[in-house]
Protein backbone atom coordinates (compact mmCIF):
# COMPACT_ATOMS: atom_id res chain seq x y z
CA MET A 1 170.74 159.86 11.64
CA ALA A 2 169.11 159.12 14.49
CA THR A 3 165.46 161.03 14.27
CA ILE A 4 164.78 159.71 10.60
CA ARG A 5 166.02 156.28 11.75
CA ARG A 6 163.22 156.27 14.76
CA GLU A 7 160.42 158.58 13.04
CA ARG A 8 158.81 158.16 9.38
CA CYS A 9 162.15 156.93 7.77
CA LEU A 10 160.65 155.52 4.81
CA GLU A 11 158.60 158.43 4.14
CA TYR A 12 161.91 160.75 4.60
CA TYR A 13 163.80 158.79 2.19
CA ASP A 14 160.71 158.61 -0.51
CA ARG A 15 160.42 162.20 -0.17
CA LEU A 16 164.60 162.56 -0.92
CA PHE A 17 163.78 160.68 -4.10
CA ALA A 18 161.11 162.31 -5.14
CA ASN A 19 163.19 165.36 -4.90
CA TYR A 20 166.41 164.08 -6.35
CA GLY A 21 168.21 166.82 -8.27
CA HIS A 22 167.18 169.62 -5.98
CA LEU A 23 168.28 168.66 -2.79
CA ASP A 24 170.08 170.68 -0.43
CA ASP A 25 170.08 171.38 3.30
CA GLN A 26 167.38 173.64 2.94
CA LYS A 27 165.23 170.74 1.57
CA PHE A 28 166.42 168.46 4.19
CA ARG A 29 165.05 170.63 6.54
CA GLU A 30 162.01 171.33 4.83
CA ILE A 31 160.99 167.68 4.11
CA ALA A 32 162.04 166.83 7.93
CA ARG A 33 159.52 169.81 9.02
CA GLU A 34 156.65 168.52 6.73
CA LEU A 35 156.87 165.12 8.40
CA LYS A 36 156.88 166.73 11.74
CA LEU A 37 160.37 165.33 12.71
CA ASP A 38 161.84 166.17 16.05
CA MET A 39 163.75 169.26 14.53
CA GLU A 40 165.87 170.06 17.90
CA ILE A 41 167.19 165.97 17.25
CA PHE A 42 167.40 166.40 13.27
CA GLU A 43 169.44 169.41 13.59
CA ARG A 44 171.98 167.94 16.14
CA ASP A 45 172.24 164.95 13.54
CA MET A 46 172.60 166.89 10.85
CA ASN A 47 175.77 168.90 12.46
CA ASP A 48 177.19 165.68 14.24
CA SER A 49 180.86 165.05 12.92
CA ALA A 50 180.47 161.49 13.13
CA THR A 51 177.33 161.69 10.62
CA ILE A 52 179.31 163.88 8.40
CA ALA A 53 182.27 161.60 8.69
CA ARG A 54 180.30 158.48 7.36
CA VAL A 55 178.38 160.30 4.81
CA ASN A 56 181.92 161.68 3.43
CA LYS A 57 183.18 158.24 3.66
CA ASP A 58 180.44 156.71 1.46
CA ILE A 59 180.48 159.47 -1.17
CA TYR A 60 184.43 158.85 -1.43
CA LEU A 61 183.92 154.94 -1.45
CA GLY A 62 180.92 155.10 -3.76
CA SER A 63 182.86 157.47 -6.16
CA SER A 64 186.22 155.38 -6.27
CA VAL A 65 184.38 152.28 -7.44
CA GLY A 66 182.55 154.50 -10.34
CA VAL A 67 179.22 155.21 -8.76
CA ARG A 68 177.62 158.40 -10.46
CA GLY A 69 174.16 158.37 -9.12
CA THR A 70 171.40 155.80 -7.84
CA PRO A 71 170.78 153.19 -8.62
CA THR A 72 174.11 151.78 -9.24
CA ILE A 73 174.06 148.16 -9.87
CA PHE A 74 176.88 145.77 -9.91
CA ILE A 75 177.26 141.85 -11.21
CA ASN A 76 180.04 140.13 -10.06
CA GLY A 77 182.09 143.57 -9.26
CA SER A 78 181.26 145.51 -12.54
CA ILE A 79 178.72 148.23 -12.90
CA THR A 80 175.97 147.16 -15.35
CA LYS A 81 173.34 149.64 -17.24
CA ALA A 82 170.83 146.44 -17.25
CA ARG A 83 167.56 147.27 -16.22
CA THR A 84 165.39 144.41 -17.03
CA LEU A 85 165.15 140.81 -15.41
CA GLU A 86 166.24 139.44 -18.93
CA ASN A 87 169.52 141.58 -19.04
CA PHE A 88 170.14 141.02 -15.48
CA GLN A 89 169.79 137.31 -16.23
CA ALA A 90 171.88 137.41 -19.48
CA ILE A 91 174.71 138.88 -17.36
CA VAL A 92 174.51 136.52 -14.36
CA VAL A 93 174.52 133.65 -16.93
CA LYS A 94 177.52 135.33 -18.89
CA GLU A 95 179.57 135.54 -15.59
CA LEU A 96 178.84 132.09 -14.41
CA GLU A 97 179.86 130.67 -17.62
CA LYS A 98 183.09 132.52 -17.36
CA ASP A 99 183.73 130.23 -13.98
CA GLY A 100 182.73 127.28 -16.00
CA LYS A 101 179.43 126.77 -14.52
CA ARG A 102 175.69 126.48 -15.79
CA ALA A 103 172.81 128.45 -14.61
CA ASP A 104 169.27 127.12 -15.05
CA LEU A 105 167.36 130.51 -14.27
CA ARG A 106 163.88 129.12 -14.31
CA GLU A 107 164.89 126.32 -11.68
CA GLY A 108 167.09 128.91 -9.87
CA GLN A 109 170.00 126.50 -9.88
CA VAL A 110 173.89 126.78 -10.60
CA ARG A 111 175.34 123.65 -11.63
CA GLU A 112 179.59 122.82 -12.11
């Protein structure tokens, strides 16, 4: 939304994530007021048909590939539940090996 892009974007997103599970239009507006965003622009953006269409498209695309929340992480097109560096590395190495490649993660190199 334009007003969030222009004003205090990261603070707004931080507050959204801090309130995850309790978000609705009222909470969106409450956060905007707390951050002293321009509420006229905020309301216009909230009701903008192009903004609504984009959000709905993102929701549809996410759900069509299995996204159910954040974070959702994909490695080589598959959702992973890995959350540690070691687990990510193991999955990446396994995926590279499927393609006949070898990874030296200490050196950041991939070899045929």
